[in-house]
């Protein structure tokens, strides 16, 4: 079983960074990632400054402040998607332009909510709405997940 996990702003200890990330995301959730249990608990997302990565799952800081949703047994397909995108650079500029200024950046770079949304759409098992992925914040993606009745897990 795979799940998508959303990081709450309260896991960020630096108050200025927390405020900036929450403001940019437009809500309480500031990061997201997909965890693939069937692939040995690997985490797939795009991180600053590395970009799209697949890495070993580690204990999360303040695990009670993460919202996790079951996205079914699509681990192999999601792994294949992230493998094909691995190394794609992170776009801090796109993050600022797209989420904070609602602009359209055309870039081969990506950020966490964009790549997680694109991964879930590529699998085809999920009835997610068609949106502009480059303007989708972690909070926006969580709102979509909430509205589509994915089961929240601990």
Protein backbone atom coordinates (compact mmCIF):
# COMPACT_ATOMS: atom_id res chain seq x y z
CA UNK A 1 0.00 0.00 0.00
CA UNK A 2 1.23 3.46 -0.92
CA UNK A 3 0.25 6.63 0.82
CA UNK A 4 0.55 10.35 0.26
CA UNK A 5 1.76 12.29 3.26
CA UNK A 6 1.31 16.01 3.96
CA UNK A 7 3.61 17.88 6.35
CA UNK A 8 1.95 20.36 8.71
CA UNK A 9 3.58 23.78 9.11
CA UNK A 10 4.00 23.18 12.87
CA UNK A 11 6.79 20.67 12.12
CA UNK A 12 8.92 23.63 10.96
CA UNK A 13 10.73 24.99 14.02
CA UNK A 14 11.98 28.27 12.55
CA UNK A 15 9.05 30.71 12.87
CA UNK A 16 10.01 32.84 9.86
CA UNK A 17 10.47 29.81 7.60
CA UNK A 18 7.20 28.34 8.91
CA UNK A 19 5.33 31.58 8.11
CA UNK A 20 6.84 31.85 4.62
CA UNK A 21 6.09 28.21 3.77
CA UNK A 22 2.53 28.43 5.10
CA UNK A 23 1.95 31.69 3.23
CA UNK A 24 3.27 30.18 0.02
CA UNK A 25 1.19 27.06 0.39
CA UNK A 26 -1.92 28.98 1.35
CA UNK A 27 -2.66 26.91 4.43
CA UNK A 28 -1.37 24.63 7.13
CA UNK A 29 0.31 21.99 4.94
CA UNK A 30 3.67 22.91 3.45
CA UNK A 31 5.16 19.75 1.91
CA UNK A 32 3.99 16.42 0.51
CA UNK A 33 5.55 13.14 -0.49
CA UNK A 34 4.49 9.67 -1.56
CA UNK A 35 5.62 6.70 0.54
CA UNK A 36 5.83 3.30 -1.15
CA UNK A 37 5.47 0.55 1.46
CA UNK A 38 5.64 -2.33 -1.03
CA UNK A 39 8.97 -1.03 -2.32
CA UNK A 40 10.58 -1.10 1.12
CA UNK A 41 9.30 2.17 2.55
CA UNK A 42 10.87 4.52 0.04
CA UNK A 43 9.84 8.16 -0.12
CA UNK A 44 9.29 9.88 -3.45
CA UNK A 45 9.08 13.64 -3.85
CA UNK A 46 10.96 16.75 -4.91
CA UNK A 47 13.07 18.46 -2.28
CA UNK A 48 15.03 21.67 -2.18
CA UNK A 49 17.74 21.77 -3.47
CA UNK A 50 18.17 18.20 -4.72
CA UNK A 51 15.09 17.83 -6.91
CA UNK A 52 13.06 14.68 -7.55
CA UNK A 53 14.39 11.79 -5.49
CA UNK A 54 13.55 8.34 -4.29
CA UNK A 55 15.11 7.77 -0.90
CA UNK A 56 14.77 5.57 2.15
CA UNK A 57 11.96 6.44 4.53
CA UNK A 58 13.12 7.89 7.82
CA UNK A 59 11.18 8.58 10.97
CA UNK A 60 9.37 11.85 10.52
CA UNK A 61 9.83 14.72 12.93
CA UNK A 62 6.52 15.17 14.78
CA UNK A 63 4.74 12.28 13.00
CA UNK A 64 1.41 13.32 14.54
CA UNK A 65 1.62 16.55 12.52
CA UNK A 66 1.58 14.74 9.16
CA UNK A 67 -1.68 13.86 7.40
CA UNK A 68 -1.40 10.50 5.61
CA UNK A 69 -3.83 9.10 3.05
CA UNK A 70 -4.06 5.59 1.65
CA UNK A 71 -3.66 5.70 -2.14
CA UNK A 72 -3.83 1.95 -2.66
CA UNK A 73 -1.47 -0.58 -4.11
CA UNK A 74 0.11 1.33 -6.97
CA UNK A 75 3.64 1.20 -5.59
CA UNK A 76 5.31 -0.29 -8.68
CA UNK A 77 3.67 2.22 -11.04
CA UNK A 78 4.46 5.17 -8.80
CA UNK A 79 8.03 3.93 -8.38
CA UNK A 80 8.40 3.72 -12.16
CA UNK A 81 7.06 7.27 -12.56
CA UNK A 82 9.44 8.72 -9.96
CA UNK A 83 12.35 6.73 -11.37
CA UNK A 84 11.71 8.29 -14.78
CA UNK A 85 11.72 11.78 -13.19
CA UNK A 86 14.59 11.18 -10.77
CA UNK A 87 17.12 14.00 -10.83
CA UNK A 88 14.67 16.57 -12.18
CA UNK A 89 15.78 19.74 -10.45
CA UNK A 90 13.70 21.51 -7.84
CA UNK A 91 12.29 24.90 -8.85
CA UNK A 92 12.34 27.46 -6.08
CA UNK A 93 11.61 30.21 -8.61
CA UNK A 94 8.65 28.27 -9.98
CA UNK A 95 7.39 27.68 -6.48
CA UNK A 96 7.40 31.42 -5.75
CA UNK A 97 6.02 32.48 -9.13
CA UNK A 98 3.35 29.82 -9.36
CA UNK A 99 2.01 29.46 -5.85
CA UNK A 100 2.54 32.92 -4.46
CA UNK A 101 1.93 34.98 -7.60
CA UNK A 102 -0.29 32.49 -9.46
CA UNK A 103 1.90 32.76 -12.56
CA UNK A 104 2.59 30.05 -15.15
CA UNK A 105 6.20 28.95 -15.24
CA UNK A 106 7.23 26.70 -18.08
CA UNK A 107 10.07 24.61 -16.73
CA UNK A 108 11.35 21.08 -16.65
CA UNK A 109 11.92 21.56 -12.93
CA UNK A 110 9.34 20.63 -10.30
CA UNK A 111 8.36 20.91 -6.65
CA UNK A 112 6.74 18.47 -4.21
CA UNK A 113 3.01 18.94 -4.80
CA UNK A 114 3.46 19.22 -8.55
CA UNK A 115 5.37 15.93 -8.84
CA UNK A 116 3.06 14.07 -6.43
CA UNK A 117 -0.02 15.20 -8.35
CA UNK A 118 1.58 14.30 -11.70
CA UNK A 119 2.56 10.88 -10.33
CA UNK A 120 -0.96 10.13 -9.14
CA UNK A 121 -2.46 11.33 -12.43
CA UNK A 122 0.00 9.21 -14.43
CA UNK A 123 -1.04 6.03 -12.64
CA UNK A 124 -4.63 6.50 -13.74
CA UNK A 125 -6.28 4.82 -10.74
CA UNK A 126 -7.32 8.08 -9.19
CA UNK A 127 -10.18 10.34 -10.22
CA UNK A 128 -8.30 13.57 -9.64
CA UNK A 129 -9.45 16.74 -11.36
CA UNK A 130 -7.44 18.22 -14.21
CA UNK A 131 -5.56 21.19 -12.77
CA UNK A 132 -2.43 23.14 -13.67
CA UNK A 133 0.13 21.13 -11.73
CA UNK A 134 2.65 23.97 -11.70
CA UNK A 135 0.31 26.10 -9.59
CA UNK A 136 -0.70 23.38 -7.12
CA UNK A 137 0.52 23.91 -3.55
CA UNK A 138 0.73 21.13 -0.95
CA UNK A 139 -2.38 22.61 0.71
CA UNK A 140 -4.23 22.64 -2.64
CA UNK A 141 -3.33 19.01 -3.27
CA UNK A 142 -4.42 18.04 0.24
CA UNK A 143 -7.76 19.78 -0.40
CA UNK A 144 -8.18 17.71 -3.57
CA UNK A 145 -7.33 14.50 -1.69
CA UNK A 146 -9.79 15.44 1.09
CA UNK A 147 -12.57 16.15 -1.42
CA UNK A 148 -12.06 12.78 -3.11
CA UNK A 149 -12.59 10.79 0.10
CA UNK A 150 -9.22 9.09 0.34
CA UNK A 151 -8.99 7.23 3.64
CA UNK A 152 -6.81 8.99 6.19
CA UNK A 153 -4.40 6.68 8.01
CA UNK A 154 -2.01 7.09 10.95
